Amino acid sequence: MFRWYQKAARCCVYLSDVLIRKRKASDTSAECTWESAFQVSKWFTRGWTLQELLAPRSVESYSREGKSLGNKRTLEQQIHEITGVPVTALREKPSLPIRRR
């Protein structure tokens, strides 16, 4: 599967549990923003997530409404904090994992 993702021109990530909510200027409530929902998205707990992040050159994330949240480059610090994957690994050219011995 890693090779399949590696050959992709772009991987689109649909985050069904991340909503974009616009705040009114007068709203002082503690309403969640998409950033806080992004941090706890179930997508980051899936088994395929690591190869979906590392293998493709481009990974674009989208909210439930289909709005772009950013790509792995613009969201690299948040992705690092959520997953523990080093920022350098997110930036590097994808390579195949170590072969079985």
PDB file of N, CA and C in Angstrom:
ATOM      1  N   MET A   1       0.821  -1.205   0.000  1.00  0.00           N
ATOM      2  CA  MET A   1       0.000   0.000   0.000  1.00  0.00           C
ATOM      3  C   MET A   1       0.859   1.260   0.000  1.00  0.00           C
ATOM      4  N   PHE A   2       2.023   1.196   0.652  1.00  0.00           N
ATOM      5  CA  PHE A   2       2.896   2.356   0.694  1.00  0.00           C
ATOM      6  C   PHE A   2       3.236   2.813  -0.721  1.00  0.00           C
ATOM      7  N   ARG A   3       3.581   1.861  -1.594  1.00  0.00           N
ATOM      8  CA  ARG A   3       3.922   2.200  -2.975  1.00  0.00           C
ATOM      9  C   ARG A   3       2.741   2.827  -3.704  1.00  0.00           C
ATOM     10  N   TRP A   4       1.553   2.333  -3.434  1.00  0.00           N
ATOM     11  CA  TRP A   4       0.354   2.867  -4.068  1.00  0.00           C
ATOM     12  C   TRP A   4       0.176   4.337  -3.688  1.00  0.00           C
ATOM     13  N   TYR A   5       0.303   4.640  -2.413  1.00  0.00           N
ATOM     14  CA  TYR A   5       0.206   6.031  -1.964  1.00  0.00           C
ATOM     15  C   TYR A   5       1.364   6.860  -2.492  1.00  0.00           C
ATOM     16  N   GLN A   6       2.534   6.268  -2.595  1.00  0.00           N
ATOM     17  CA  GLN A   6       3.712   6.975  -3.074  1.00  0.00           C
ATOM     18  C   GLN A   6       3.545   7.417  -4.531  1.00  0.00           C
ATOM     19  N   LYS A   7       2.829   6.636  -5.319  1.00  0.00           N
ATOM     20  CA  LYS A   7       2.611   6.962  -6.721  1.00  0.00           C
ATOM     21  C   LYS A   7       1.523   8.017  -6.914  1.00  0.00           C
ATOM     22  N   ALA A   8       0.777   8.291  -5.877  1.00  0.00           N
ATOM     23  CA  ALA A   8      -0.309   9.272  -5.973  1.00  0.00           C
ATOM     24  C   ALA A   8       0.253  10.678  -6.137  1.00  0.00           C
ATOM     25  N   ALA A   9      -0.361  11.449  -7.007  1.00  0.00           N
ATOM     26  CA  ALA A   9       0.045  12.847  -7.173  1.00  0.00           C
ATOM     27  C   ALA A   9      -0.359  13.647  -5.939  1.00  0.00           C
ATOM     28  N   ARG A  10      -1.500  13.266  -5.350  1.00  0.00           N
ATOM     29  CA  ARG A  10      -1.997  13.957  -4.159  1.00  0.00           C
ATOM     30  C   ARG A  10      -2.924  13.031  -3.403  1.00  0.00           C
ATOM     31  N   CYS A  11      -2.847  13.075  -2.097  1.00  0.00           N
ATOM     32  CA  CYS A  11      -3.751  12.316  -1.247  1.00  0.00           C
ATOM     33  C   CYS A  11      -4.695  13.312  -0.583  1.00  0.00           C
ATOM     34  N   CYS A  12      -5.976  13.111  -0.751  1.00  0.00           N
ATOM     35  CA  CYS A  12      -6.981  13.990  -0.143  1.00  0.00           C
ATOM     36  C   CYS A  12      -7.532  13.314   1.104  1.00  0.00           C
ATOM     37  N   VAL A  13      -7.486  14.030   2.204  1.00  0.00           N
ATOM     38  CA  VAL A  13      -7.936  13.499   3.484  1.00  0.00           C
ATOM     39  C   VAL A  13      -9.239  14.189   3.863  1.00  0.00           C
ATOM     40  N   TYR A  14     -10.315  13.422   3.939  1.00  0.00           N
ATOM     41  CA  TYR A  14     -11.615  13.941   4.328  1.00  0.00           C
ATOM     42  C   TYR A  14     -11.803  13.684   5.817  1.00  0.00           C
ATOM     43  N   LEU A  15     -11.874  14.745   6.587  1.00  0.00           N
ATOM     44  CA  LEU A  15     -12.007  14.635   8.043  1.00  0.00           C
ATOM     45  C   LEU A  15     -13.469  14.889   8.418  1.00  0.00           C
ATOM     46  N   SER A  16     -14.232  13.812   8.479  1.00  0.00           N
ATOM     47  CA  SER A  16     -15.674  13.929   8.712  1.00  0.00           C
ATOM     48  C   SER A  16     -16.009  14.478  10.097  1.00  0.00           C
ATOM     49  N   ASP A  17     -15.056  14.425  11.006  1.00  0.00           N
ATOM     50  CA  ASP A  17     -15.310  14.925  12.361  1.00  0.00           C
ATOM     51  C   ASP A  17     -14.711  16.314  12.609  1.00  0.00           C
ATOM     52  N   VAL A  18     -14.312  16.994  11.541  1.00  0.00           N
ATOM     53  CA  VAL A  18     -13.778  18.350  11.671  1.00  0.00           C
ATOM     54  C   VAL A  18     -14.705  19.310  10.928  1.00  0.00           C
ATOM     55  N   LEU A  19     -15.344  20.185  11.690  1.00  0.00           N
ATOM     56  CA  LEU A  19     -16.243  21.187  11.132  1.00  0.00           C
ATOM     57  C   LEU A  19     -15.587  22.557  11.198  1.00  0.00           C
ATOM     58  N   ILE A  20     -15.890  23.386  10.208  1.00  0.00           N
ATOM     59  CA  ILE A  20     -15.446  24.773  10.251  1.00  0.00           C
ATOM     60  C   ILE A  20     -16.626  25.584  10.760  1.00  0.00           C
ATOM     61  N   ARG A  21     -16.419  26.225  11.865  1.00  0.00           N
ATOM     62  CA  ARG A  21     -17.475  27.068  12.435  1.00  0.00           C
ATOM     63  C   ARG A  21     -16.971  28.492  12.473  1.00  0.00           C
ATOM     64  N   LYS A  22     -17.711  29.365  11.863  1.00  0.00           N
ATOM     65  CA  LYS A  22     -17.321  30.773  11.866  1.00  0.00           C
ATOM     66  C   LYS A  22     -17.876  31.437  13.118  1.00  0.00           C
ATOM     67  N   ARG A  23     -17.021  32.181  13.759  1.00  0.00           N
ATOM     68  CA  ARG A  23     -17.449  32.930  14.942  1.00  0.00           C
ATOM     69  C   ARG A  23     -17.862  34.334  14.542  1.00  0.00           C
ATOM     70  N   LYS A  24     -18.877  34.818  15.215  1.00  0.00           N
ATOM     71  CA  LYS A  24     -19.257  36.210  15.045  1.00  0.00           C
ATOM     72  C   LYS A  24     -18.322  37.046  15.907  1.00  0.00           C
ATOM     73  N   ALA A  25     -18.050  38.237  15.485  1.00  0.00           N
ATOM     74  CA  ALA A  25     -17.158  39.112  16.244  1.00  0.00           C
ATOM     75  C   ALA A  25     -17.660  39.315  17.670  1.00  0.00           C
ATOM     76  N   SER A  26     -18.966  39.291  17.856  1.00  0.00           N
ATOM     77  CA  SER A  26     -19.537  39.519  19.185  1.00  0.00           C
ATOM     78  C   SER A  26     -19.594  38.253  20.033  1.00  0.00           C
ATOM     79  N   ASP A  27     -19.253  37.110  19.445  1.00  0.00           N
ATOM     80  CA  ASP A  27     -19.332  35.827  20.155  1.00  0.00           C
ATOM     81  C   ASP A  27     -18.111  35.636  21.052  1.00  0.00           C
ATOM     82  N   THR A  28     -18.356  35.565  22.343  1.00  0.00           N
ATOM     83  CA  THR A  28     -17.260  35.369  23.303  1.00  0.00           C
ATOM     84  C   THR A  28     -17.296  33.975  23.915  1.00  0.00           C
ATOM     85  N   SER A  29     -18.155  33.108  23.390  1.00  0.00           N
ATOM     86  CA  SER A  29     -18.241  31.746  23.923  1.00  0.00           C
ATOM     87  C   SER A  29     -16.992  30.955  23.552  1.00  0.00           C
ATOM     88  N   ALA A  30     -16.831  29.825  24.196  1.00  0.00           N
ATOM     89  CA  ALA A  30     -15.659  28.974  23.953  1.00  0.00           C
ATOM     90  C   ALA A  30     -15.943  27.951  22.865  1.00  0.00           C
ATOM     91  N   GLU A  31     -16.636  28.360  21.817  1.00  0.00           N
ATOM     92  CA  GLU A  31     -16.964  27.454  20.715  1.00  0.00           C
ATOM     93  C   GLU A  31     -15.687  26.909  20.082  1.00  0.00           C
ATOM     94  N   CYS A  32     -15.688  25.627  19.794  1.00  0.00           N
ATOM     95  CA  CYS A  32     -14.515  24.984  19.198  1.00  0.00           C
ATOM     96  C   CYS A  32     -14.277  25.505  17.792  1.00  0.00           C
ATOM     97  N   THR A  33     -13.035  25.662  17.456  1.00  0.00           N
ATOM     98  CA  THR A  33     -12.655  26.003  16.097  1.00  0.00           C
ATOM     99  C   THR A  33     -12.217  24.718  15.415  1.00  0.00           C
ATOM    100  N   TRP A  34     -12.023  24.769  14.105  1.00  0.00           N
ATOM    101  CA  TRP A  34     -11.614  23.555  13.393  1.00  0.00           C
ATOM    102  C   TRP A  34     -10.263  23.068  13.878  1.00  0.00           C
ATOM    103  N   GLU A  35      -9.396  23.973  14.341  1.00  0.00           N
ATOM    104  CA  GLU A  35      -8.070  23.566  14.789  1.00  0.00           C
ATOM    105  C   GLU A  35      -8.137  22.598  15.970  1.00  0.00           C
ATOM    106  N   SER A  36      -9.028  22.874  16.915  1.00  0.00           N
ATOM    107  CA  SER A  36      -9.132  21.976  18.068  1.00  0.00           C
ATOM    108  C   SER A  36      -9.757  20.644  17.664  1.00  0.00           C
ATOM    109  N   ALA A  37     -10.701  20.666  16.730  1.00  0.00           N
ATOM    110  CA  ALA A  37     -11.298  19.427  16.233  1.00  0.00           C
ATOM    111  C   ALA A  37     -10.266  18.624  15.433  1.00  0.00           C
ATOM    112  N   PHE A  38      -9.408  19.311  14.687  1.00  0.00           N
ATOM    113  CA  PHE A  38      -8.344  18.673  13.906  1.00  0.00           C
ATOM    114  C   PHE A  38      -7.424  17.887  14.841  1.00  0.00           C
ATOM    115  N   GLN A  39      -7.085  18.466  15.969  1.00  0.00           N
ATOM    116  CA  GLN A  39      -6.167  17.829  16.919  1.00  0.00           C
ATOM    117  C   GLN A  39      -6.687  16.510  17.471  1.00  0.00           C
ATOM    118  N   VAL A  40      -7.995  16.355  17.537  1.00  0.00           N
ATOM    119  CA  VAL A  40      -8.570  15.124  18.102  1.00  0.00           C
ATOM    120  C   VAL A  40      -9.320  14.297  17.057  1.00  0.00           C
ATOM    121  N   SER A  41      -9.069  14.572  15.787  1.00  0.00           N
ATOM    122  CA  SER A  41      -9.751  13.844  14.719  1.00  0.00           C
ATOM    123  C   SER A  41      -9.441  12.348  14.791  1.00  0.00           C
ATOM    124  N   LYS A  42     -10.466  11.552  14.566  1.00  0.00           N
ATOM    125  CA  LYS A  42     -10.304  10.089  14.578  1.00  0.00           C
ATOM    126  C   LYS A  42      -9.376   9.617  13.459  1.00  0.00           C
ATOM    127  N   TRP A  43      -9.220  10.430  12.427  1.00  0.00           N
ATOM    128  CA  TRP A  43      -8.368  10.042  11.302  1.00  0.00           C
ATOM    129  C   TRP A  43      -6.961   9.722  11.772  1.00  0.00           C
ATOM    130  N   PHE A  44      -6.482  10.438  12.763  1.00  0.00           N
ATOM    131  CA  PHE A  44      -5.119  10.227  13.246  1.00  0.00           C
ATOM    132  C   PHE A  44      -4.950   8.933  14.042  1.00  0.00           C
ATOM    133  N   THR A  45      -6.037   8.245  14.334  1.00  0.00           N
ATOM    134  CA  THR A  45      -5.955   6.996  15.093  1.00  0.00           C
ATOM    135  C   THR A  45      -6.077   5.764  14.200  1.00  0.00           C
ATOM    136  N   ARG A  46      -6.271   5.968  12.915  1.00  0.00           N
ATOM    137  CA  ARG A  46      -6.434   4.848  11.978  1.00  0.00           C
ATOM    138  C   ARG A  46      -5.100   4.187  11.659  1.00  0.00           C
ATOM    139  N   GLY A  47      -5.143   2.941  11.287  1.00  0.00           N
ATOM    140  CA  GLY A  47      -3.934   2.197  10.953  1.00  0.00           C
ATOM    141  C   GLY A  47      -3.232   2.665   9.695  1.00  0.00           C
ATOM    142  N   TRP A  48      -3.975   3.229   8.730  1.00  0.00           N
ATOM    143  CA  TRP A  48      -3.381   3.630   7.448  1.00  0.00           C
ATOM    144  C   TRP A  48      -2.803   5.041   7.486  1.00  0.00           C
ATOM    145  N   THR A  49      -3.059   5.781   8.535  1.00  0.00           N
ATOM    146  CA  THR A  49      -2.709   7.200   8.576  1.00  0.00           C
ATOM    147  C   THR A  49      -1.240   7.475   8.311  1.00  0.00           C
ATOM    148  N   LEU A  50      -0.344   6.727   8.890  1.00  0.00           N
ATOM    149  CA  LEU A  50       1.081   7.006   8.744  1.00  0.00           C
ATOM    150  C   LEU A  50       1.528   6.944   7.285  1.00  0.00           C
ATOM    151  N   GLN A  51       1.157   5.890   6.572  1.00  0.00           N
ATOM    152  CA  GLN A  51       1.573   5.816   5.168  1.00  0.00           C
ATOM    153  C   GLN A  51       0.841   6.838   4.319  1.00  0.00           C
ATOM    154  N   GLU A  52      -0.373   7.200   4.680  1.00  0.00           N
ATOM    155  CA  GLU A  52      -1.092   8.235   3.942  1.00  0.00           C
ATOM    156  C   GLU A  52      -0.434   9.597   4.135  1.00  0.00           C
ATOM    157  N   LEU A  53       0.217   9.810   5.264  1.00  0.00           N
ATOM    158  CA  LEU A  53       0.922  11.061   5.531  1.00  0.00           C
ATOM    159  C   LEU A  53       2.296  11.107   4.881  1.00  0.00           C
ATOM    160  N   LEU A  54       3.029  10.006   4.948  1.00  0.00           N
ATOM    161  CA  LEU A  54       4.423  10.011   4.521  1.00  0.00           C
ATOM    162  C   LEU A  54       4.637   9.679   3.049  1.00  0.00           C
ATOM    163  N   ALA A  55       3.885   8.764   2.490  1.00  0.00           N
ATOM    164  CA  ALA A  55       4.150   8.291   1.137  1.00  0.00           C
ATOM    165  C   ALA A  55       3.871   9.323   0.038  1.00  0.00           C
ATOM    166  N   PRO A  56       2.710   9.957   0.003  1.00  0.00           N
ATOM    167  CA  PRO A  56       2.455  10.917  -1.082  1.00  0.00           C
ATOM    168  C   PRO A  56       3.269  12.198  -0.914  1.00  0.00           C
ATOM    169  N   ARG A  57       3.603  12.815  -2.022  1.00  0.00           N
ATOM    170  CA  ARG A  57       4.304  14.105  -1.947  1.00  0.00           C
ATOM    171  C   ARG A  57       3.380  15.190  -1.413  1.00  0.00           C
ATOM    172  N   SER A  58       2.108  15.112  -1.767  1.00  0.00           N
ATOM    173  CA  SER A  58       1.144  16.131  -1.361  1.00  0.00           C
ATOM    174  C   SER A  58      -0.028  15.467  -0.638  1.00  0.00           C
ATOM    175  N   VAL A  59      -0.367  16.001   0.529  1.00  0.00           N
ATOM    176  CA  VAL A  59      -1.519  15.537   1.299  1.00  0.00           C
ATOM    177  C   VAL A  59      -2.352  16.761   1.649  1.00  0.00           C
ATOM    178  N   GLU A  60      -3.584  16.800   1.169  1.00  0.00           N
ATOM    179  CA  GLU A  60      -4.491  17.912   1.415  1.00  0.00           C
ATOM    180  C   GLU A  60      -5.591  17.462   2.373  1.00  0.00           C
ATOM    181  N   SER A  61      -5.854  18.252   3.399  1.00  0.00           N
ATOM    182  CA  SER A  61      -6.888  17.920   4.382  1.00  0.00           C
ATOM    183  C   SER A  61      -8.117  18.788   4.164  1.00  0.00           C
ATOM    184  N   TYR A  62      -9.310  18.146   4.274  1.00  0.00           N
ATOM    185  CA  TYR A  62     -10.574  18.839   4.055  1.00  0.00           C
ATOM    186  C   TYR A  62     -11.529  18.576   5.214  1.00  0.00           C
ATOM    187  N   SER A  63     -12.321  19.596   5.533  1.00  0.00           N
ATOM    188  CA  SER A  63     -13.315  19.499   6.595  1.00  0.00           C
ATOM    189  C   SER A  63     -14.543  18.727   6.121  1.00  0.00           C
ATOM    190  N   ARG A  64     -15.458  18.500   7.038  1.00  0.00           N
ATOM    191  CA  ARG A  64     -16.718  17.828   6.693  1.00  0.00           C
ATOM    192  C   ARG A  64     -17.455  18.575   5.585  1.00  0.00           C
ATOM    193  N   GLU A  65     -17.318  19.894   5.591  1.00  0.00           N
ATOM    194  CA  GLU A  65     -17.998  20.706   4.572  1.00  0.00           C
ATOM    195  C   GLU A  65     -17.256  20.735   3.240  1.00  0.00           C
ATOM    196  N   GLY A  66     -16.087  20.082   3.179  1.00  0.00           N
ATOM    197  CA  GLY A  66     -15.311  20.065   1.951  1.00  0.00           C
ATOM    198  C   GLY A  66     -14.393  21.267   1.785  1.00  0.00           C
ATOM    199  N   LYS A  67     -14.204  22.028   2.836  1.00  0.00           N
ATOM    200  CA  LYS A  67     -13.316  23.193   2.801  1.00  0.00           C
ATOM    201  C   LYS A  67     -11.881  22.770   3.094  1.00  0.00           C
ATOM    202  N   SER A  68     -10.942  23.343   2.367  1.00  0.00           N
ATOM    203  CA  SER A  68      -9.538  23.014   2.568  1.00  0.00           C
ATOM    204  C   SER A  68      -9.059  23.544   3.914  1.00  0.00           C
ATOM    205  N   LEU A  69      -8.377  22.673   4.662  1.00  0.00           N
ATOM    206  CA  LEU A  69      -7.801  23.060   5.951  1.00  0.00           C
ATOM    207  C   LEU A  69      -6.311  23.346   5.801  1.00  0.00           C
ATOM    208  N   GLY A  70      -5.717  22.815   4.745  1.00  0.00           N
ATOM    209  CA  GLY A  70      -4.296  22.982   4.501  1.00  0.00           C
ATOM    210  C   GLY A  70      -3.699  21.689   3.989  1.00  0.00           C
ATOM    211  N   ASN A  71      -2.393  21.681   3.835  1.00  0.00           N
ATOM    212  CA  ASN A  71      -1.699  20.490   3.371  1.00  0.00           C
ATOM    213  C   ASN A  71      -0.665  20.059   4.407  1.00  0.00           C
ATOM    214  N   LYS A  72       0.034  18.967   4.129  1.00  0.00           N
ATOM    215  CA  LYS A  72       0.951  18.465   5.155  1.00  0.00           C
ATOM    216  C   LYS A  72       2.090  19.433   5.430  1.00  0.00           C
ATOM    217  N   ARG A  73       2.389  20.301   4.499  1.00  0.00           N
ATOM    218  CA  ARG A  73       3.434  21.314   4.711  1.00  0.00           C
ATOM    219  C   ARG A  73       2.914  22.438   5.611  1.00  0.00           C
ATOM    220  N   THR A  74       1.717  22.950   5.327  1.00  0.00           N
ATOM    221  CA  THR A  74       1.185  24.063   6.115  1.00  0.00           C
ATOM    222  C   THR A  74       0.697  23.614   7.492  1.00  0.00           C
ATOM    223  N   LEU A  75       0.382  22.335   7.620  1.00  0.00           N
ATOM    224  CA  LEU A  75      -0.101  21.791   8.897  1.00  0.00           C
ATOM    225  C   LEU A  75       0.955  20.940   9.598  1.00  0.00           C
ATOM    226  N   GLU A  76       2.208  21.019   9.136  1.00  0.00           N
ATOM    227  CA  GLU A  76       3.242  20.110   9.639  1.00  0.00           C
ATOM    228  C   GLU A  76       3.443  20.189  11.150  1.00  0.00           C
ATOM    229  N   GLN A  77       3.387  21.368  11.733  1.00  0.00           N
ATOM    230  CA  GLN A  77       3.604  21.476  13.177  1.00  0.00           C
ATOM    231  C   GLN A  77       2.456  20.810  13.946  1.00  0.00           C
ATOM    232  N   GLN A  78       1.227  21.043  13.514  1.00  0.00           N
ATOM    233  CA  GLN A  78       0.073  20.408  14.164  1.00  0.00           C
ATOM    234  C   GLN A  78       0.134  18.887  13.996  1.00  0.00           C
ATOM    235  N   ILE A  79       0.465  18.431  12.795  1.00  0.00           N
ATOM    236  CA  ILE A  79       0.558  16.987  12.544  1.00  0.00           C
ATOM    237  C   ILE A  79       1.652  16.372  13.417  1.00  0.00           C
ATOM    238  N   HIS A  80       2.769  17.050  13.530  1.00  0.00           N
ATOM    239  CA  HIS A  80       3.860  16.578  14.395  1.00  0.00           C
ATOM    240  C   HIS A  80       3.389  16.462  15.841  1.00  0.00           C
ATOM    241  N   GLU A  81       2.702  17.475  16.338  1.00  0.00           N
ATOM    242  CA  GLU A  81       2.229  17.457  17.729  1.00  0.00           C
ATOM    243  C   GLU A  81       1.211  16.354  17.974  1.00  0.00           C
ATOM    244  N   ILE A  82       0.384  16.065  16.997  1.00  0.00           N
ATOM    245  CA  ILE A  82      -0.654  15.036  17.130  1.00  0.00           C
ATOM    246  C   ILE A  82      -0.062  13.636  17.035  1.00  0.00           C
ATOM    247  N   THR A  83       0.830  13.433  16.058  1.00  0.00           N
ATOM    248  CA  THR A  83       1.311  12.079  15.746  1.00  0.00           C
ATOM    249  C   THR A  83       2.678  11.747  16.325  1.00  0.00           C
ATOM    250  N   GLY A  84       3.467  12.766  16.604  1.00  0.00           N
ATOM    251  CA  GLY A  84       4.843  12.526  17.037  1.00  0.00           C
ATOM    252  C   GLY A  84       5.792  12.272  15.876  1.00  0.00           C
ATOM    253  N   VAL A  85       5.288  12.320  14.645  1.00  0.00           N
ATOM    254  CA  VAL A  85       6.135  12.148  13.457  1.00  0.00           C
ATOM    255  C   VAL A  85       7.005  13.395  13.331  1.00  0.00           C
ATOM    256  N   PRO A  86       8.316  13.225  13.208  1.00  0.00           N
ATOM    257  CA  PRO A  86       9.198  14.397  13.075  1.00  0.00           C
ATOM    258  C   PRO A  86       8.837  15.247  11.850  1.00  0.00           C
ATOM    259  N   VAL A  87       8.940  16.552  12.014  1.00  0.00           N
ATOM    260  CA  VAL A  87       8.646  17.471  10.917  1.00  0.00           C
ATOM    261  C   VAL A  87       9.519  17.146   9.706  1.00  0.00           C
ATOM    262  N   THR A  88      10.764  16.763   9.936  1.00  0.00           N
ATOM    263  CA  THR A  88      11.660  16.434   8.825  1.00  0.00           C
ATOM    264  C   THR A  88      11.131  15.255   8.014  1.00  0.00           C
ATOM    265  N   ALA A  89      10.491  14.294   8.669  1.00  0.00           N
ATOM    266  CA  ALA A  89       9.918  13.149   7.950  1.00  0.00           C
ATOM    267  C   ALA A  89       8.737  13.580   7.084  1.00  0.00           C
ATOM    268  N   LEU A  90       7.985  14.575   7.542  1.00  0.00           N
ATOM    269  CA  LEU A  90       6.860  15.073   6.755  1.00  0.00           C
ATOM    270  C   LEU A  90       7.349  15.842   5.530  1.00  0.00           C
ATOM    271  N   ARG A  91       8.531  16.441   5.625  1.00  0.00           N
ATOM    272  CA  ARG A  91       9.083  17.241   4.531  1.00  0.00           C
ATOM    273  C   ARG A  91       9.878  16.425   3.527  1.00  0.00           C
ATOM    274  N   GLU A  92      10.454  15.327   3.953  1.00  0.00           N
ATOM    275  CA  GLU A  92      11.348  14.558   3.096  1.00  0.00           C
ATOM    276  C   GLU A  92      10.627  13.906   1.941  1.00  0.00           C
ATOM    277  N   LYS A  93      11.412  13.637   0.897  1.00  0.00           N
ATOM    278  CA  LYS A  93      10.892  12.875  -0.235  1.00  0.00           C
ATOM    279  C   LYS A  93      10.560  11.480   0.275  1.00  0.00           C
ATOM    280  N   PRO A  94       9.358  10.996  -0.006  1.00  0.00           N
ATOM    281  CA  PRO A  94       8.977   9.676   0.497  1.00  0.00           C
ATOM    282  C   PRO A  94       9.868   8.577  -0.063  1.00  0.00           C
ATOM    283  N   SER A  95      10.164   7.608   0.776  1.00  0.00           N
ATOM    284  CA  SER A  95      10.943   6.456   0.329  1.00  0.00           C
ATOM    285  C   SER A  95      10.277   5.192   0.855  1.00  0.00           C
ATOM    286  N   LEU A  96      10.681   4.093   0.297  1.00  0.00           N
ATOM    287  CA  LEU A  96      10.095   2.814   0.716  1.00  0.00           C
ATOM    288  C   LEU A  96      10.586   2.441   2.097  1.00  0.00           C
ATOM    289  N   PRO A  97       9.765   1.757   2.866  1.00  0.00           N
ATOM    290  CA  PRO A  97      10.197   1.324   4.174  1.00  0.00           C
ATOM    291  C   PRO A  97      11.317   0.274   4.068  1.00  0.00           C
ATOM    292  N   ILE A  98      11.974   0.031   5.153  1.00  0.00           N
ATOM    293  CA  ILE A  98      13.047  -0.960   5.197  1.00  0.00           C
ATOM    294  C   ILE A  98      12.486  -2.323   4.796  1.00  0.00           C
ATOM    295  N   ARG A  99      13.210  -2.991   3.939  1.00  0.00           N
ATOM    296  CA  ARG A  99      12.771  -4.308   3.470  1.00  0.00           C
ATOM    297  C   ARG A  99      12.943  -5.348   4.559  1.00  0.00           C
ATOM    298  N   ARG A 100      12.119  -6.369   4.464  1.00  0.00           N
ATOM    299  CA  ARG A 100      12.244  -7.487   5.406  1.00  0.00           C
ATOM    300  C   ARG A 100      13.555  -8.196   5.186  1.00  0.00           C
ATOM    301  N   ARG A 101      14.124  -8.670   6.231  1.00  0.00           N
ATOM    302  CA  ARG A 101      15.391  -9.404   6.117  1.00  0.00           C
ATOM    303  C   ARG A 101      15.161 -10.868   6.019  1.00  0.00           C
TER     304      ARG A 101
END
